[in-house]
């Protein structure tokens, strides 16, 4: 964007615009609704929205807001799941003696599958085994020489093996 059209410093109005965009500015036509809400032209709103200073602030605010919403939703889902599990456990405890065996098995089967203890092959990642061998420099040089069919090379500071064949 041209430097002349850049917002240099954010004002409280810009901050209110960013808040409005996060809460009400979703979907098609957001720019028209925002222009009407704030009493400015769509062109002016576009200039502000696309300025570097506003984008930096807006993106940071949006990231913080999204993170807090995601955490809240996750916490609520875990809470509901925990309550459901408590009620299910209480029902099995109270009615387990009169519940049909098929129903008990179904409860166990569903719980096992959803906690990763059920049947395999339901989208679980394949196990990968990695082997790491730690060898000395000398062992590595010897292995390479044997693979190439040559003699074992000498390393710095080594002396060649003596040719002792028994002295005949």
C-alpha atoms as a PDB file:
ATOM      1  CA  UNK A   1       0.000   0.000   0.000  1.00  0.00           C
ATOM      2  CA  UNK A   2       1.228   3.505  -0.741  1.00  0.00           C
ATOM      3  CA  UNK A   3       2.952   5.231   2.171  1.00  0.00           C
ATOM      4  CA  UNK A   4       0.602   8.225   1.877  1.00  0.00           C
ATOM      5  CA  UNK A   5      -2.381   5.967   2.587  1.00  0.00           C
ATOM      6  CA  UNK A   6      -0.848   4.233   5.605  1.00  0.00           C
ATOM      7  CA  UNK A   7      -2.222   4.665   9.106  1.00  0.00           C
ATOM      8  CA  UNK A   8       0.794   5.753  11.130  1.00  0.00           C
ATOM      9  CA  UNK A   9      -0.614   5.438  14.643  1.00  0.00           C
ATOM     10  CA  UNK A  10      -3.708   3.641  15.872  1.00  0.00           C
ATOM     11  CA  UNK A  11      -6.353   5.643  17.679  1.00  0.00           C
ATOM     12  CA  UNK A  12      -9.107   4.379  19.978  1.00  0.00           C
ATOM     13  CA  UNK A  13     -11.389   4.452  16.915  1.00  0.00           C
ATOM     14  CA  UNK A  14      -9.108   1.949  15.172  1.00  0.00           C
ATOM     15  CA  UNK A  15      -9.185  -0.293  18.234  1.00  0.00           C
ATOM     16  CA  UNK A  16     -13.010  -0.193  18.285  1.00  0.00           C
ATOM     17  CA  UNK A  17     -13.029  -1.078  14.583  1.00  0.00           C
ATOM     18  CA  UNK A  18     -10.784  -4.095  15.249  1.00  0.00           C
ATOM     19  CA  UNK A  19     -13.048  -5.227  18.100  1.00  0.00           C
ATOM     20  CA  UNK A  20     -16.126  -4.807  15.897  1.00  0.00           C
ATOM     21  CA  UNK A  21     -14.527  -6.780  13.071  1.00  0.00           C
ATOM     22  CA  UNK A  22     -13.821  -9.693  15.400  1.00  0.00           C
ATOM     23  CA  UNK A  23     -17.294  -9.716  16.942  1.00  0.00           C
ATOM     24  CA  UNK A  24     -19.522  -8.673  14.008  1.00  0.00           C
ATOM     25  CA  UNK A  25     -17.373  -8.471  10.904  1.00  0.00           C
ATOM     26  CA  UNK A  26     -17.631 -12.036   9.689  1.00  0.00           C
ATOM     27  CA  UNK A  27     -18.961 -13.121   6.327  1.00  0.00           C
ATOM     28  CA  UNK A  28     -19.692 -11.413   3.040  1.00  0.00           C
ATOM     29  CA  UNK A  29     -20.533  -7.721   3.086  1.00  0.00           C
ATOM     30  CA  UNK A  30     -18.607  -7.019   6.286  1.00  0.00           C
ATOM     31  CA  UNK A  31     -17.058  -3.893   4.771  1.00  0.00           C
ATOM     32  CA  UNK A  32     -20.456  -2.383   3.883  1.00  0.00           C
ATOM     33  CA  UNK A  33     -21.860  -3.153   7.354  1.00  0.00           C
ATOM     34  CA  UNK A  34     -18.755  -1.719   9.026  1.00  0.00           C
ATOM     35  CA  UNK A  35     -18.894   1.453   6.914  1.00  0.00           C
ATOM     36  CA  UNK A  36     -22.547   1.958   7.872  1.00  0.00           C
ATOM     37  CA  UNK A  37     -21.895   1.185  11.528  1.00  0.00           C
ATOM     38  CA  UNK A  38     -18.968   3.613  11.830  1.00  0.00           C
ATOM     39  CA  UNK A  39     -20.332   6.247   9.421  1.00  0.00           C
ATOM     40  CA  UNK A  40     -17.398   6.182   6.973  1.00  0.00           C
ATOM     41  CA  UNK A  41     -17.037   5.285   3.321  1.00  0.00           C
ATOM     42  CA  UNK A  42     -16.069   1.777   2.267  1.00  0.00           C
ATOM     43  CA  UNK A  43     -12.998   3.197   0.519  1.00  0.00           C
ATOM     44  CA  UNK A  44     -11.781   4.869   3.714  1.00  0.00           C
ATOM     45  CA  UNK A  45     -12.501   1.713   5.692  1.00  0.00           C
ATOM     46  CA  UNK A  46     -10.501  -0.331   3.159  1.00  0.00           C
ATOM     47  CA  UNK A  47      -7.578   2.097   3.468  1.00  0.00           C
ATOM     48  CA  UNK A  48      -7.560   1.691   7.228  1.00  0.00           C
ATOM     49  CA  UNK A  49      -8.094  -2.064   7.153  1.00  0.00           C
ATOM     50  CA  UNK A  50      -5.210  -2.686   4.733  1.00  0.00           C
ATOM     51  CA  UNK A  51      -2.706  -0.412   6.451  1.00  0.00           C
ATOM     52  CA  UNK A  52       0.312  -2.140   7.993  1.00  0.00           C
ATOM     53  CA  UNK A  53      -0.249  -0.720  11.490  1.00  0.00           C
ATOM     54  CA  UNK A  54      -3.906  -1.797  11.596  1.00  0.00           C
ATOM     55  CA  UNK A  55      -3.173  -5.247  10.151  1.00  0.00           C
ATOM     56  CA  UNK A  56      -0.435  -5.874  12.732  1.00  0.00           C
ATOM     57  CA  UNK A  57      -2.767  -4.948  15.598  1.00  0.00           C
ATOM     58  CA  UNK A  58      -5.784  -6.749  14.119  1.00  0.00           C
ATOM     59  CA  UNK A  59      -3.895  -9.999  13.436  1.00  0.00           C
ATOM     60  CA  UNK A  60      -2.482 -10.081  16.986  1.00  0.00           C
ATOM     61  CA  UNK A  61      -5.916  -9.358  18.485  1.00  0.00           C
ATOM     62  CA  UNK A  62      -7.543 -11.975  16.274  1.00  0.00           C
ATOM     63  CA  UNK A  63      -4.954 -14.593  17.291  1.00  0.00           C
ATOM     64  CA  UNK A  64      -5.466 -13.890  21.005  1.00  0.00           C
ATOM     65  CA  UNK A  65      -9.241 -13.988  20.635  1.00  0.00           C
ATOM     66  CA  UNK A  66      -9.204 -17.201  18.594  1.00  0.00           C
ATOM     67  CA  UNK A  67      -6.935 -18.875  21.151  1.00  0.00           C
ATOM     68  CA  UNK A  68      -9.176 -17.938  24.074  1.00  0.00           C
ATOM     69  CA  UNK A  69     -12.296 -19.121  22.221  1.00  0.00           C
ATOM     70  CA  UNK A  70     -10.627 -22.408  21.291  1.00  0.00           C
ATOM     71  CA  UNK A  71      -9.556 -22.990  24.890  1.00  0.00           C
ATOM     72  CA  UNK A  72     -13.057 -22.201  26.143  1.00  0.00           C
ATOM     73  CA  UNK A  73     -14.695 -24.596  23.670  1.00  0.00           C
ATOM     74  CA  UNK A  74     -12.189 -27.331  24.482  1.00  0.00           C
ATOM     75  CA  UNK A  75     -12.754 -26.867  28.216  1.00  0.00           C
ATOM     76  CA  UNK A  76     -16.536 -27.011  27.757  1.00  0.00           C
ATOM     77  CA  UNK A  77     -16.296 -30.163  25.650  1.00  0.00           C
ATOM     78  CA  UNK A  78     -14.072 -31.854  28.211  1.00  0.00           C
ATOM     79  CA  UNK A  79     -16.461 -30.806  30.989  1.00  0.00           C
ATOM     80  CA  UNK A  80     -19.491 -32.217  29.180  1.00  0.00           C
ATOM     81  CA  UNK A  81     -17.621 -35.419  28.386  1.00  0.00           C
ATOM     82  CA  UNK A  82     -16.613 -35.750  32.033  1.00  0.00           C
ATOM     83  CA  UNK A  83     -20.220 -35.284  33.212  1.00  0.00           C
ATOM     84  CA  UNK A  84     -21.463 -37.831  30.678  1.00  0.00           C
ATOM     85  CA  UNK A  85     -18.832 -40.319  31.831  1.00  0.00           C
ATOM     86  CA  UNK A  86     -19.832 -39.777  35.468  1.00  0.00           C
ATOM     87  CA  UNK A  87     -23.508 -40.396  34.662  1.00  0.00           C
ATOM     88  CA  UNK A  88     -22.645 -43.443  32.574  1.00  0.00           C
ATOM     89  CA  UNK A  89     -20.453 -44.875  35.333  1.00  0.00           C
ATOM     90  CA  UNK A  90     -23.206 -44.254  37.903  1.00  0.00           C
ATOM     91  CA  UNK A  91     -25.802 -45.934  35.692  1.00  0.00           C
ATOM     92  CA  UNK A  92     -23.600 -48.966  35.084  1.00  0.00           C
ATOM     93  CA  UNK A  93     -22.908 -49.164  38.810  1.00  0.00           C
ATOM     94  CA  UNK A  94     -26.607 -48.916  39.761  1.00  0.00           C
ATOM     95  CA  UNK A  95     -28.140 -50.919  36.915  1.00  0.00           C
ATOM     96  CA  UNK A  96     -25.231 -53.147  35.898  1.00  0.00           C
ATOM     97  CA  UNK A  97     -26.829 -56.213  37.452  1.00  0.00           C
ATOM     98  CA  UNK A  98     -29.999 -55.858  35.404  1.00  0.00           C
ATOM     99  CA  UNK A  99     -28.528 -54.401  32.195  1.00  0.00           C
ATOM    100  CA  UNK A 100     -28.268 -56.924  29.378  1.00  0.00           C
ATOM    101  CA  UNK A 101     -24.751 -58.219  28.816  1.00  0.00           C
ATOM    102  CA  UNK A 102     -24.882 -56.887  25.233  1.00  0.00           C
ATOM    103  CA  UNK A 103     -25.472 -53.351  26.508  1.00  0.00           C
ATOM    104  CA  UNK A 104     -22.570 -53.595  28.956  1.00  0.00           C
ATOM    105  CA  UNK A 105     -20.308 -54.948  26.232  1.00  0.00           C
ATOM    106  CA  UNK A 106     -21.346 -52.101  23.922  1.00  0.00           C
ATOM    107  CA  UNK A 107     -20.482 -49.525  26.613  1.00  0.00           C
ATOM    108  CA  UNK A 108     -17.093 -51.140  27.179  1.00  0.00           C
ATOM    109  CA  UNK A 109     -16.432 -51.429  23.433  1.00  0.00           C
ATOM    110  CA  UNK A 110     -17.249 -47.761  22.729  1.00  0.00           C
ATOM    111  CA  UNK A 111     -15.179 -46.544  25.682  1.00  0.00           C
ATOM    112  CA  UNK A 112     -12.229 -48.724  24.690  1.00  0.00           C
ATOM    113  CA  UNK A 113     -12.277 -47.516  21.085  1.00  0.00           C
ATOM    114  CA  UNK A 114     -12.552 -43.862  22.027  1.00  0.00           C
ATOM    115  CA  UNK A 115      -9.680 -44.062  24.467  1.00  0.00           C
ATOM    116  CA  UNK A 116      -7.389 -45.836  21.997  1.00  0.00           C
ATOM    117  CA  UNK A 117      -7.704 -49.295  23.519  1.00  0.00           C
ATOM    118  CA  UNK A 118     -10.167 -50.797  21.054  1.00  0.00           C
ATOM    119  CA  UNK A 119      -9.776 -52.341  17.627  1.00  0.00           C
ATOM    120  CA  UNK A 120      -6.792 -51.225  15.606  1.00  0.00           C
ATOM    121  CA  UNK A 121      -6.965 -49.835  12.108  1.00  0.00           C
ATOM    122  CA  UNK A 122      -9.329 -47.004  12.925  1.00  0.00           C
ATOM    123  CA  UNK A 123      -7.079 -44.256  11.622  1.00  0.00           C
ATOM    124  CA  UNK A 124      -4.331 -44.677  14.158  1.00  0.00           C
ATOM    125  CA  UNK A 125      -0.850 -43.817  12.913  1.00  0.00           C
ATOM    126  CA  UNK A 126       1.445 -46.687  12.003  1.00  0.00           C
ATOM    127  CA  UNK A 127       4.276 -47.454  14.386  1.00  0.00           C
ATOM    128  CA  UNK A 128       7.703 -46.478  13.110  1.00  0.00           C
ATOM    129  CA  UNK A 129      10.836 -48.092  14.528  1.00  0.00           C
ATOM    130  CA  UNK A 130      14.114 -46.234  14.254  1.00  0.00           C
ATOM    131  CA  UNK A 131      17.421 -47.869  15.088  1.00  0.00           C
ATOM    132  CA  UNK A 132      20.401 -45.710  15.984  1.00  0.00           C
ATOM    133  CA  UNK A 133      23.833 -47.311  16.205  1.00  0.00           C
ATOM    134  CA  UNK A 134      26.647 -45.481  17.921  1.00  0.00           C
ATOM    135  CA  UNK A 135      30.117 -46.498  16.745  1.00  0.00           C
ATOM    136  CA  UNK A 136      33.607 -45.133  17.085  1.00  0.00           C
ATOM    137  CA  UNK A 137      35.420 -43.478  14.201  1.00  0.00           C
ATOM    138  CA  UNK A 138      37.641 -46.507  13.848  1.00  0.00           C
ATOM    139  CA  UNK A 139      34.703 -48.917  13.693  1.00  0.00           C
ATOM    140  CA  UNK A 140      33.062 -46.796  11.016  1.00  0.00           C
ATOM    141  CA  UNK A 141      36.226 -46.661   8.909  1.00  0.00           C
ATOM    142  CA  UNK A 142      36.670 -50.422   9.189  1.00  0.00           C
ATOM    143  CA  UNK A 143      33.056 -51.119   8.225  1.00  0.00           C
ATOM    144  CA  UNK A 144      33.305 -48.839   5.208  1.00  0.00           C
ATOM    145  CA  UNK A 145      36.499 -50.527   4.068  1.00  0.00           C
ATOM    146  CA  UNK A 146      34.977 -53.987   4.417  1.00  0.00           C
ATOM    147  CA  UNK A 147      31.915 -52.883   2.406  1.00  0.00           C
ATOM    148  CA  UNK A 148      34.160 -51.637  -0.377  1.00  0.00           C
ATOM    149  CA  UNK A 149      36.160 -54.872  -0.383  1.00  0.00           C
ATOM    150  CA  UNK A 150      39.422 -53.155   0.426  1.00  0.00           C
ATOM    151  CA  UNK A 151      41.873 -53.227   3.230  1.00  0.00           C
ATOM    152  CA  UNK A 152      41.126 -51.513   6.476  1.00  0.00           C
ATOM    153  CA  UNK A 153      42.595 -47.986   6.235  1.00  0.00           C
ATOM    154  CA  UNK A 154      44.927 -46.610   8.835  1.00  0.00           C
ATOM    155  CA  UNK A 155      43.777 -43.671  10.871  1.00  0.00           C
ATOM    156  CA  UNK A 156      46.024 -40.829  11.984  1.00  0.00           C
ATOM    157  CA  UNK A 157      48.388 -42.026  14.678  1.00  0.00           C
ATOM    158  CA  UNK A 158      47.991 -45.753  13.850  1.00  0.00           C
ATOM    159  CA  UNK A 159      50.918 -47.912  12.802  1.00  0.00           C
ATOM    160  CA  UNK A 160      50.549 -50.660  10.211  1.00  0.00           C
ATOM    161  CA  UNK A 161      50.098 -54.168  11.599  1.00  0.00           C
ATOM    162  CA  UNK A 162      53.340 -56.177  11.753  1.00  0.00           C
ATOM    163  CA  UNK A 163      53.685 -59.144   9.422  1.00  0.00           C
ATOM    164  CA  UNK A 164      54.332 -61.766  12.099  1.00  0.00           C
ATOM    165  CA  UNK A 165      53.626 -65.116  10.502  1.00  0.00           C
ATOM    166  CA  UNK A 166      55.397 -67.226  13.057  1.00  0.00           C
ATOM    167  CA  UNK A 167      59.046 -66.613  11.933  1.00  0.00           C
ATOM    168  CA  UNK A 168      59.884 -69.600   9.728  1.00  0.00           C
END
